[in-house]
C-alpha atoms as a PDB file:
ATOM      1  CA  MET A   1      96.910  95.529 127.226  1.00  0.00           C
ATOM      2  CA  ALA A   2      98.696  92.226 127.319  1.00  0.00           C
ATOM      3  CA  ALA A   3      99.908  90.885 123.994  1.00  0.00           C
ATOM      4  CA  GLU A   4      98.246  87.550 124.741  1.00  0.00           C
ATOM      5  CA  GLU A   5      94.843  89.258 125.069  1.00  0.00           C
ATOM      6  CA  ALA A   6      95.356  91.210 121.839  1.00  0.00           C
ATOM      7  CA  LEU A   7      96.292  88.153 119.837  1.00  0.00           C
ATOM      8  CA  THR A   8      93.201  86.177 120.876  1.00  0.00           C
ATOM      9  CA  ARG A   9      90.734  88.792 119.643  1.00  0.00           C
ATOM     10  CA  GLU A  10      88.711  87.815 116.593  1.00  0.00           C
ATOM     11  CA  ASP A  11      88.498  91.371 115.206  1.00  0.00           C
ATOM     12  CA  ALA A  12      91.759  92.776 113.909  1.00  0.00           C
ATOM     13  CA  LEU A  13      92.456  96.502 113.902  1.00  0.00           C
ATOM     14  CA  VAL A  14      94.017  96.194 110.437  1.00  0.00           C
ATOM     15  CA  ARG A  15      93.673  93.224 108.131  1.00  0.00           C
ATOM     16  CA  VAL A  16      95.815  92.978 104.970  1.00  0.00           C
ATOM     17  CA  GLU A  17      94.425  90.515 102.446  1.00  0.00           C
ATOM     18  CA  GLU A  18      96.315  89.154  99.419  1.00  0.00           C
ATOM     19  CA  LEU A  19      98.264  92.360  98.794  1.00  0.00           C
ATOM     20  CA  THR A  20     100.212  92.379  95.527  1.00  0.00           C
ATOM     21  CA  VAL A  21     102.363  95.305  94.312  1.00  0.00           C
ATOM     22  CA  ARG A  22     104.425  95.483  91.142  1.00  0.00           C
ATOM     23  CA  PHE A  23     106.805  97.848  89.354  1.00  0.00           C
ATOM     24  CA  PRO A  24     107.599  98.031  85.631  1.00  0.00           C
ATOM     25  CA  VAL A  25     110.933  96.640  84.472  1.00  0.00           C
ATOM     26  CA  GLU A  26     112.398  96.148  81.043  1.00  0.00           C
ATOM     27  CA  GLY A  27     110.307  93.534  79.276  1.00  0.00           C
ATOM     28  CA  GLY A  28     107.475  93.410  81.796  1.00  0.00           C
ATOM     29  CA  HIS A  29     106.788  93.869  85.496  1.00  0.00           C
ATOM     30  CA  ARG A  30     108.418  92.772  88.711  1.00  0.00           C
ATOM     31  CA  THR A  31     106.174  91.791  91.575  1.00  0.00           C
ATOM     32  CA  VAL A  32     107.768  93.198  94.729  1.00  0.00           C
ATOM     33  CA  VAL A  33     104.989  92.241  97.154  1.00  0.00           C
ATOM     34  CA  ASP A  34     103.315  88.970  96.268  1.00  0.00           C
ATOM     35  CA  ASP A  35     100.001  87.874  97.812  1.00  0.00           C
ATOM     36  CA  VAL A  36     100.862  89.099 101.313  1.00  0.00           C
ATOM     37  CA  SER A  37      98.263  88.721 104.080  1.00  0.00           C
ATOM     38  CA  PHE A  38      98.452  89.447 107.805  1.00  0.00           C
ATOM     39  CA  GLU A  39      96.572  91.032 110.696  1.00  0.00           C
ATOM     40  CA  VAL A  40      97.506  93.547 113.374  1.00  0.00           C
ATOM     41  CA  HIS A  41      95.492  93.689 116.594  1.00  0.00           C
ATOM     42  CA  ALA A  42      95.139  96.535 119.072  1.00  0.00           C
ATOM     43  CA  GLY A  43      98.071  96.521 121.460  1.00  0.00           C
ATOM     44  CA  GLU A  44     100.121  94.137 119.315  1.00  0.00           C
ATOM     45  CA  VAL A  45     103.623  94.834 118.035  1.00  0.00           C
ATOM     46  CA  LEU A  46     104.086  92.979 114.745  1.00  0.00           C
ATOM     47  CA  GLY A  47     107.683  92.899 113.522  1.00  0.00           C
ATOM     48  CA  ILE A  48     108.611  92.582 109.853  1.00  0.00           C
ATOM     49  CA  VAL A  49     112.142  91.455 109.069  1.00  0.00           C
ATOM     50  CA  GLY A  50     114.001  90.659 105.868  1.00  0.00           C
ATOM     51  CA  GLU A  51     116.861  91.874 103.740  1.00  0.00           C
ATOM     52  CA  SER A  52     116.804  95.061 101.656  1.00  0.00           C
ATOM     53  CA  GLY A  53     114.497  94.573  98.679  1.00  0.00           C
ATOM     54  CA  SER A  54     112.386  91.919 100.360  1.00  0.00           C
ATOM     55  CA  GLY A  55     109.235  94.059 100.177  1.00  0.00           C
ATOM     56  CA  LYS A  56     109.023  95.299 103.781  1.00  0.00           C
ATOM     57  CA  SER A  57     108.834  99.037 103.113  1.00  0.00           C
ATOM     58  CA  ILE A  58     106.544  98.724 100.081  1.00  0.00           C
ATOM     59  CA  THR A  59     104.176  96.636 102.189  1.00  0.00           C
ATOM     60  CA  SER A  60     104.111  99.326 104.863  1.00  0.00           C
ATOM     61  CA  LEU A  61     103.556 102.134 102.324  1.00  0.00           C
ATOM     62  CA  SER A  62     100.667 100.167 100.836  1.00  0.00           C
ATOM     63  CA  LEU A  63      98.808 100.298 104.147  1.00  0.00           C
ATOM     64  CA  LEU A  64      98.459 104.066 103.643  1.00  0.00           C
ATOM     65  CA  ASN A  65      97.982 103.833  99.867  1.00  0.00           C
ATOM     66  CA  LEU A  66     101.304 105.632  99.410  1.00  0.00           C
ATOM     67  CA  VAL A  67     102.898 103.537  96.657  1.00  0.00           C
ATOM     68  CA  ASP A  68     104.107 106.109  94.127  1.00  0.00           C
ATOM     69  CA  ASP A  69     104.110 105.800  90.335  1.00  0.00           C
ATOM     70  CA  PRO A  70     105.320 103.781  88.552  1.00  0.00           C
ATOM     71  CA  GLY A  71     104.487 101.338  91.337  1.00  0.00           C
ATOM     72  CA  GLU A  72     101.037  99.797  91.224  1.00  0.00           C
ATOM     73  CA  ILE A  73      98.932  98.015  93.833  1.00  0.00           C
ATOM     74  CA  VAL A  74      97.584  95.267  91.599  1.00  0.00           C
ATOM     75  CA  SER A  75      95.246  93.539  94.029  1.00  0.00           C
ATOM     76  CA  GLY A  76      94.374  93.046  97.651  1.00  0.00           C
ATOM     77  CA  ARG A  77      92.661  94.910 100.459  1.00  0.00           C
ATOM     78  CA  VAL A  78      93.795  96.847 103.532  1.00  0.00           C
ATOM     79  CA  LEU A  79      90.873  96.820 105.961  1.00  0.00           C
ATOM     80  CA  LEU A  80      90.746  99.318 108.836  1.00  0.00           C
ATOM     81  CA  ASP A  81      87.651  98.641 110.946  1.00  0.00           C
ATOM     82  CA  GLY A  82      86.262  96.860 107.898  1.00  0.00           C
ATOM     83  CA  ALA A  83      86.780  99.786 105.459  1.00  0.00           C
ATOM     84  CA  ASP A  84      89.245  99.310 102.595  1.00  0.00           C
ATOM     85  CA  VAL A  85      91.946 101.995 102.769  1.00  0.00           C
ATOM     86  CA  LEU A  86      92.976 101.235  99.182  1.00  0.00           C
ATOM     87  CA  LYS A  87      89.556 102.428  97.951  1.00  0.00           C
ATOM     88  CA  MET A  88      89.581 105.656  99.969  1.00  0.00           C
ATOM     89  CA  ARG A  89      90.141 109.016  98.318  1.00  0.00           C
ATOM     90  CA  GLY A  90      90.252 112.672  99.364  1.00  0.00           C
ATOM     91  CA  THR A  91      89.240 113.611 102.890  1.00  0.00           C
ATOM     92  CA  ALA A  92      88.462 110.024 103.887  1.00  0.00           C
ATOM     93  CA  LEU A  93      92.037 108.986 103.128  1.00  0.00           C
ATOM     94  CA  GLN A  94      93.473 112.089 104.801  1.00  0.00           C
ATOM     95  CA  ARG A  95      91.564 111.261 107.999  1.00  0.00           C
ATOM     96  CA  VAL A  96      93.225 107.850 108.076  1.00  0.00           C
ATOM     97  CA  ARG A  97      96.742 109.167 107.441  1.00  0.00           C
ATOM     98  CA  GLY A  98      98.115 110.544 110.671  1.00  0.00           C
ATOM     99  CA  ALA A  99      95.096 110.186 112.950  1.00  0.00           C
ATOM    100  CA  GLU A 100      94.263 106.494 112.503  1.00  0.00           C
ATOM    101  CA  ILE A 101      97.551 105.244 111.059  1.00  0.00           C
ATOM    102  CA  GLY A 102     100.804 107.116 111.681  1.00  0.00           C
ATOM    103  CA  MET A 103     104.102 106.379 109.990  1.00  0.00           C
ATOM    104  CA  ILE A 104     107.737 106.910 110.861  1.00  0.00           C
ATOM    105  CA  PHE A 105     109.424 106.993 107.471  1.00  0.00           C
ATOM    106  CA  GLN A 106     112.871 105.619 106.775  1.00  0.00           C
ATOM    107  CA  GLU A 107     114.423 108.882 105.492  1.00  0.00           C
ATOM    108  CA  PRO A 108     113.486 111.918 107.621  1.00  0.00           C
ATOM    109  CA  MET A 109     115.117 114.490 105.327  1.00  0.00           C
ATOM    110  CA  ARG A 110     112.832 113.389 102.474  1.00  0.00           C
ATOM    111  CA  SER A 111     109.749 113.072 104.660  1.00  0.00           C
ATOM    112  CA  LEU A 112     109.758 116.458 106.393  1.00  0.00           C
ATOM    113  CA  ASN A 113     108.963 119.576 104.356  1.00  0.00           C
ATOM    114  CA  PRO A 114     112.210 121.571 103.953  1.00  0.00           C
ATOM    115  CA  VAL A 115     110.476 124.976 103.674  1.00  0.00           C
ATOM    116  CA  PHE A 116     108.541 124.790 106.949  1.00  0.00           C
ATOM    117  CA  THR A 117     109.829 124.771 110.507  1.00  0.00           C
ATOM    118  CA  ILE A 118     109.498 121.622 112.595  1.00  0.00           C
ATOM    119  CA  GLY A 119     107.021 123.460 114.813  1.00  0.00           C
ATOM    120  CA  LYS A 120     104.778 124.442 111.922  1.00  0.00           C
ATOM    121  CA  GLN A 121     104.693 120.862 110.655  1.00  0.00           C
ATOM    122  CA  LEU A 122     103.787 119.511 114.097  1.00  0.00           C
ATOM    123  CA  ILE A 123     101.113 122.141 114.734  1.00  0.00           C
ATOM    124  CA  GLU A 124      99.531 121.681 111.298  1.00  0.00           C
ATOM    125  CA  THR A 125      99.475 117.900 111.761  1.00  0.00           C
ATOM    126  CA  ILE A 126      97.636 118.227 115.075  1.00  0.00           C
ATOM    127  CA  ARG A 127      95.159 120.851 113.829  1.00  0.00           C
ATOM    128  CA  ALA A 128      94.450 118.907 110.638  1.00  0.00           C
ATOM    129  CA  HIS A 129      93.000 116.074 112.706  1.00  0.00           C
ATOM    130  CA  GLU A 130      91.783 117.737 115.901  1.00  0.00           C
ATOM    131  CA  ASP A 131      89.811 120.877 116.722  1.00  0.00           C
ATOM    132  CA  VAL A 132      92.344 122.569 118.983  1.00  0.00           C
ATOM    133  CA  LYS A 133      93.530 126.150 119.369  1.00  0.00           C
ATOM    134  CA  PRO A 134      96.945 127.084 117.919  1.00  0.00           C
ATOM    135  CA  ALA A 135      98.350 127.724 121.412  1.00  0.00           C
ATOM    136  CA  ASP A 136      97.265 124.290 122.617  1.00  0.00           C
ATOM    137  CA  ALA A 137      98.716 122.663 119.492  1.00  0.00           C
ATOM    138  CA  TYR A 138     101.978 124.516 120.141  1.00  0.00           C
ATOM    139  CA  ASP A 139     102.167 123.266 123.724  1.00  0.00           C
ATOM    140  CA  ARG A 140     101.461 119.691 122.625  1.00  0.00           C
ATOM    141  CA  SER A 141     104.135 119.938 119.935  1.00  0.00           C
ATOM    142  CA  VAL A 142     106.743 121.112 122.433  1.00  0.00           C
ATOM    143  CA  ASP A 143     105.755 118.278 124.767  1.00  0.00           C
ATOM    144  CA  TRP A 144     106.168 115.665 122.027  1.00  0.00           C
ATOM    145  CA  LEU A 145     109.591 116.994 121.059  1.00  0.00           C
ATOM    146  CA  ARG A 146     110.605 116.750 124.704  1.00  0.00           C
ATOM    147  CA  ARG A 147     109.202 113.216 125.001  1.00  0.00           C
ATOM    148  CA  VAL A 148     111.276 111.956 122.059  1.00  0.00           C
ATOM    149  CA  GLY A 149     114.436 113.232 123.732  1.00  0.00           C
ATOM    150  CA  LEU A 150     115.151 116.470 121.856  1.00  0.00           C
ATOM    151  CA  PRO A 151     116.915 119.077 124.015  1.00  0.00           C
ATOM    152  CA  ASN A 152     115.609 122.651 123.974  1.00  0.00           C
ATOM    153  CA  PRO A 153     112.344 121.783 122.176  1.00  0.00           C
ATOM    154  CA  GLU A 154     111.291 125.445 121.900  1.00  0.00           C
ATOM    155  CA  ARG A 155     114.351 126.073 119.725  1.00  0.00           C
ATOM    156  CA  VAL A 156     113.613 122.934 117.675  1.00  0.00           C
ATOM    157  CA  MET A 157     110.122 124.315 117.020  1.00  0.00           C
ATOM    158  CA  ARG A 158     111.762 127.277 115.244  1.00  0.00           C
ATOM    159  CA  SER A 159     114.266 125.155 113.321  1.00  0.00           C
ATOM    160  CA  TYR A 160     114.111 124.042 109.691  1.00  0.00           C
ATOM    161  CA  PRO A 161     115.006 120.449 108.766  1.00  0.00           C
ATOM    162  CA  HIS A 162     118.312 121.433 107.147  1.00  0.00           C
ATOM    163  CA  GLU A 163     119.439 123.006 110.434  1.00  0.00           C
ATOM    164  CA  MET A 164     119.235 119.704 112.314  1.00  0.00           C
ATOM    165  CA  SER A 165     121.360 116.567 112.413  1.00  0.00           C
ATOM    166  CA  GLY A 166     120.122 113.241 111.082  1.00  0.00           C
ATOM    167  CA  GLY A 167     119.457 111.893 114.557  1.00  0.00           C
ATOM    168  CA  MET A 168     117.528 115.015 115.574  1.00  0.00           C
ATOM    169  CA  LEU A 169     115.474 114.828 112.391  1.00  0.00           C
ATOM    170  CA  GLN A 170     114.626 111.197 113.085  1.00  0.00           C
ATOM    171  CA  ARG A 171     113.330 112.104 116.545  1.00  0.00           C
ATOM    172  CA  ALA A 172     111.374 115.077 115.168  1.00  0.00           C
ATOM    173  CA  MET A 173     109.724 112.813 112.600  1.00  0.00           C
ATOM    174  CA  ILE A 174     108.803 110.353 115.357  1.00  0.00           C
ATOM    175  CA  ALA A 175     107.126 113.237 117.192  1.00  0.00           C
ATOM    176  CA  VAL A 176     105.144 114.118 114.036  1.00  0.00           C
ATOM    177  CA  ALA A 177     104.047 110.493 113.660  1.00  0.00           C
ATOM    178  CA  LEU A 178     102.928 110.227 117.303  1.00  0.00           C
ATOM    179  CA  CYS A 179     101.414 113.657 117.984  1.00  0.00           C
ATOM    180  CA  CYS A 180      97.861 112.568 117.069  1.00  0.00           C
ATOM    181  CA  ARG A 181      98.172 109.269 118.940  1.00  0.00           C
ATOM    182  CA  PRO A 182      97.332 106.986 115.999  1.00  0.00           C
ATOM    183  CA  ARG A 183      95.730 103.604 116.584  1.00  0.00           C
ATOM    184  CA  LEU A 184      98.372 101.939 114.396  1.00  0.00           C
ATOM    185  CA  LEU A 185     101.942 103.180 114.136  1.00  0.00           C
ATOM    186  CA  ILE A 186     104.048 101.970 111.211  1.00  0.00           C
ATOM    187  CA  ALA A 187     107.702 102.310 112.186  1.00  0.00           C
ATOM    188  CA  ASP A 188     110.052 101.770 109.230  1.00  0.00           C
ATOM    189  CA  GLU A 189     113.577 101.455 110.658  1.00  0.00           C
ATOM    190  CA  PRO A 190     112.704 104.082 113.315  1.00  0.00           C
ATOM    191  CA  THR A 191     116.004 103.936 115.232  1.00  0.00           C
ATOM    192  CA  THR A 192     118.509 103.570 112.389  1.00  0.00           C
ATOM    193  CA  ALA A 193     120.085 107.037 112.713  1.00  0.00           C
ATOM    194  CA  LEU A 194     120.126 107.105 116.514  1.00  0.00           C
ATOM    195  CA  ASP A 195     122.860 106.208 118.976  1.00  0.00           C
ATOM    196  CA  VAL A 196     122.284 103.294 121.338  1.00  0.00           C
ATOM    197  CA  THR A 197     121.127 105.445 124.272  1.00  0.00           C
ATOM    198  CA  ILE A 198     118.541 107.383 122.269  1.00  0.00           C
ATOM    199  CA  GLN A 199     117.470 104.182 120.494  1.00  0.00           C
ATOM    200  CA  ALA A 200     116.641 102.622 123.867  1.00  0.00           C
ATOM    201  CA  GLN A 201     114.722 105.751 124.909  1.00  0.00           C
ATOM    202  CA  ILE A 202     112.639 105.742 121.717  1.00  0.00           C
ATOM    203  CA  ILE A 203     111.834 102.035 122.015  1.00  0.00           C
ATOM    204  CA  ASP A 204     110.780 102.551 125.634  1.00  0.00           C
ATOM    205  CA  LEU A 205     108.607 105.509 124.574  1.00  0.00           C
ATOM    206  CA  LEU A 206     106.877 103.484 121.859  1.00  0.00           C
ATOM    207  CA  LEU A 207     106.218 100.561 124.172  1.00  0.00           C
ATOM    208  CA  ASP A 208     104.939 102.881 126.931  1.00  0.00           C
ATOM    209  CA  LEU A 209     102.490 104.438 124.437  1.00  0.00           C
ATOM    210  CA  ARG A 210     101.382 100.975 123.382  1.00  0.00           C
ATOM    211  CA  ASP A 211     100.666 100.087 126.997  1.00  0.00           C
ATOM    212  CA  GLU A 212      98.982 103.441 127.687  1.00  0.00           C
ATOM    213  CA  THR A 213      96.734 103.704 124.628  1.00  0.00           C
ATOM    214  CA  GLY A 214      96.440 100.196 123.173  1.00  0.00           C
ATOM    215  CA  MET A 215      98.174 101.448 120.007  1.00  0.00           C
ATOM    216  CA  ALA A 216      99.269  98.713 117.624  1.00  0.00           C
ATOM    217  CA  MET A 217     102.657  98.841 115.918  1.00  0.00           C
ATOM    218  CA  LEU A 218     104.073  97.492 112.698  1.00  0.00           C
ATOM    219  CA  PHE A 219     107.813  97.546 113.404  1.00  0.00           C
ATOM    220  CA  ILE A 220     110.122  97.134 110.397  1.00  0.00           C
ATOM    221  CA  THR A 221     113.824  96.643 110.991  1.00  0.00           C
ATOM    222  CA  HIS A 222     116.950  94.741 110.000  1.00  0.00           C
ATOM    223  CA  ASP A 223     117.907  94.456 113.664  1.00  0.00           C
ATOM    224  CA  LEU A 224     116.824  91.089 115.011  1.00  0.00           C
ATOM    225  CA  GLY A 225     117.898  92.171 118.487  1.00  0.00           C
ATOM    226  CA  VAL A 226     115.345  95.004 118.395  1.00  0.00           C
ATOM    227  CA  ILE A 227     112.667  92.619 117.118  1.00  0.00           C
ATOM    228  CA  ALA A 228     113.380  90.262 120.011  1.00  0.00           C
ATOM    229  CA  GLU A 229     112.931  93.173 122.412  1.00  0.00           C
ATOM    230  CA  VAL A 230     109.779  94.818 121.039  1.00  0.00           C
ATOM    231  CA  ALA A 231     107.738  92.359 118.945  1.00  0.00           C
ATOM    232  CA  ASP A 232     104.945  90.022 119.993  1.00  0.00           C
ATOM    233  CA  SER A 233     104.889  88.295 116.605  1.00  0.00           C
ATOM    234  CA  VAL A 234     107.020  88.394 113.472  1.00  0.00           C
ATOM    235  CA  LEU A 235     106.673  88.193 109.697  1.00  0.00           C
ATOM    236  CA  VAL A 236     109.766  87.189 107.738  1.00  0.00           C
ATOM    237  CA  MET A 237     109.804  88.469 104.138  1.00  0.00           C
ATOM    238  CA  TYR A 238     111.977  87.282 101.265  1.00  0.00           C
ATOM    239  CA  GLY A 239     111.576  88.133  97.603  1.00  0.00           C
ATOM    240  CA  GLY A 240     108.211  89.818  98.182  1.00  0.00           C
ATOM    241  CA  HIS A 241     106.759  86.796  99.976  1.00  0.00           C
ATOM    242  CA  VAL A 242     105.981  86.144 103.627  1.00  0.00           C
ATOM    243  CA  VAL A 243     108.044  83.000 104.132  1.00  0.00           C
ATOM    244  CA  GLU A 244     107.410  82.565 107.849  1.00  0.00           C
ATOM    245  CA  ARG A 245     105.268  84.020 110.588  1.00  0.00           C
ATOM    246  CA  GLY A 246     104.811  83.261 114.253  1.00  0.00           C
ATOM    247  CA  ASP A 247     105.219  84.495 117.786  1.00  0.00           C
ATOM    248  CA  VAL A 248     108.632  85.947 118.516  1.00  0.00           C
ATOM    249  CA  PHE A 249     109.727  83.189 120.901  1.00  0.00           C
ATOM    250  CA  SER A 250     108.895  80.321 118.547  1.00  0.00           C
ATOM    251  CA  LEU A 251     110.519  82.022 115.589  1.00  0.00           C
ATOM    252  CA  PHE A 252     113.794  82.656 117.403  1.00  0.00           C
ATOM    253  CA  ASP A 253     113.910  79.254 119.071  1.00  0.00           C
ATOM    254  CA  HIS A 254     112.590  77.065 116.247  1.00  0.00           C
ATOM    255  CA  PRO A 255     112.773  78.765 112.807  1.00  0.00           C
ATOM    256  CA  GLN A 256     110.953  76.729 110.163  1.00  0.00           C
ATOM    257  CA  HIS A 257     112.120  78.352 106.913  1.00  0.00           C
ATOM    258  CA  PRO A 258     115.742  78.129 105.677  1.00  0.00           C
ATOM    259  CA  TYR A 259     115.875  81.891 105.102  1.00  0.00           C
ATOM    260  CA  THR A 260     114.785  82.605 108.697  1.00  0.00           C
ATOM    261  CA  ASP A 261     117.342  80.127 109.945  1.00  0.00           C
ATOM    262  CA  ALA A 262     120.081  81.812 107.904  1.00  0.00           C
ATOM    263  CA  LEU A 263     119.085  85.260 109.197  1.00  0.00           C
ATOM    264  CA  LEU A 264     119.324  84.112 112.780  1.00  0.00           C
ATOM    265  CA  LYS A 265     122.662  82.377 112.241  1.00  0.00           C
ATOM    266  CA  ALA A 266     124.079  85.532 110.629  1.00  0.00           C
ATOM    267  CA  ARG A 267     123.530  87.605 113.777  1.00  0.00           C
ATOM    268  CA  PRO A 268     126.748  88.813 115.403  1.00  0.00           C
ATOM    269  CA  MET A 269     127.185  87.003 118.702  1.00  0.00           C
ATOM    270  CA  PRO A 270     129.664  87.807 121.499  1.00  0.00           C
ATOM    271  CA  GLY A 271     132.797  85.704 121.149  1.00  0.00           C
ATOM    272  CA  GLN A 272     131.680  84.178 117.859  1.00  0.00           C
ATOM    273  CA  ARG A 273     133.582  84.578 114.593  1.00  0.00           C
ATOM    274  CA  LEU A 274     131.873  83.914 111.287  1.00  0.00           C
ATOM    275  CA  ASP A 275     134.359  83.041 108.567  1.00  0.00           C
ATOM    276  CA  ARG A 276     131.483  82.668 106.132  1.00  0.00           C
ATOM    277  CA  LEU A 277     127.907  83.888 106.375  1.00  0.00           C
ATOM    278  CA  PRO A 278     125.112  81.304 106.144  1.00  0.00           C
ATOM    279  CA  THR A 279     123.505  80.887 102.718  1.00  0.00           C
ATOM    280  CA  ILE A 280     120.212  79.522 101.423  1.00  0.00           C
ATOM    281  CA  SER A 281     119.652  77.047  98.628  1.00  0.00           C
ATOM    282  CA  ASP A 282     119.395  77.923  94.949  1.00  0.00           C
ATOM    283  CA  GLU A 283     115.839  76.575  94.972  1.00  0.00           C
ATOM    284  CA  VAL A 284     114.710  79.122  97.566  1.00  0.00           C
ATOM    285  CA  ARG A 285     116.342  81.953  95.601  1.00  0.00           C
ATOM    286  CA  ARG A 286     114.803  80.697  92.347  1.00  0.00           C
ATOM    287  CA  ILE A 287     111.277  80.708  93.791  1.00  0.00           C
ATOM    288  CA  ALA A 288     111.708  84.230  95.188  1.00  0.00           C
ATOM    289  CA  ALA A 289     113.046  85.516  91.855  1.00  0.00           C
ATOM    290  CA  ALA A 290     110.067  84.202  89.901  1.00  0.00           C
ATOM    291  CA  GLY A 291     108.161  87.475  90.183  1.00  0.00           C
ATOM    292  CA  VAL A 292     109.001  88.885  86.726  1.00  0.00           C
ATOM    293  CA  THR A 293     106.080  88.738  84.279  1.00  0.00           C
ATOM    294  CA  ALA A 294     105.512  90.049  80.795  1.00  0.00           C
END
C-alpha cells in the first residue's frame, strides 16, 4: 500500500488522544509525556525522533499499557479499532499484545526470558495467539529466525539468551515481535546493536513486510538517516511534548521548530566539521522543563 493512500484514510488503525504520563519525583511529579496526540494508519511508517528523555519510549510503552510503577498514565486514550487499550485488562489486553500490536524493545537481554530457549519463546508466542500445532509453530519460528538474518536458526532455537551476542539477541527479539504478523509494529531503536549490513537487512525486511501485509510501524530512533529512509511522517519530541510533526520531506527540508532545526544541523555530514553543536534558546528549554508539579 502506498503511503499516500494510507495517509488519506479517515479511519486510523491506532489513534492516541491527549496521552499524559507522569513519574513521582521529590516534592511532586514530573510529567514525561504531556498531552501527546497522533494517529497511525495501516501501511504508514511513523517515525518518532528526539533526544534521550524526550518521552519517545514511554509513549511507545503506553500504547501497550506497559508503563510500570511508579509511572502512571494520568489521562488520554489509545484507540485500536475504536477500543481503548488503556481500559483493557486480562485476556483482552493479552490478545492485543503480540497479535495486534508487536514491539521490538530497546534492550533485548531484559526483554527475553533468560530461563527459556529462544525457540520456546517463539513457539509459545505463536501458539498463544494462533491455533497451530507445535510442529508448525516450530517451523514458523525457524523461518522467522532465518528471515532476520540469524545463521543456523535450528541451533538458535536451542540457545538461551545468555549464550548469544547482543546483535543476535536483537535479531531474535525482532523475530519474536514479527512472528504473529501484528497490524502495528512498535520498533524502539530496533537496529542499535547491529552492524551496518545487518541493519540494512532488517530495515529492508520491515519495509517488505509493510508492503506485503499493510502493517503499520511506529519507528523510534536517534538516527535521522534511518528516519529519512523508512518514515512517511515524523513526530519530533522534546521535553515530553510533540514540538513538530509532518511528512518526512517537509520536515527535513523546512523544519519549523528550533529544536528540529538544531537536530538536523547536528547531523554528521561528509566533509563537514562542527566546532560547536547547535543549541536552542533558554525559552524553549524553560517551557519543556515546566512539567514538574506538586
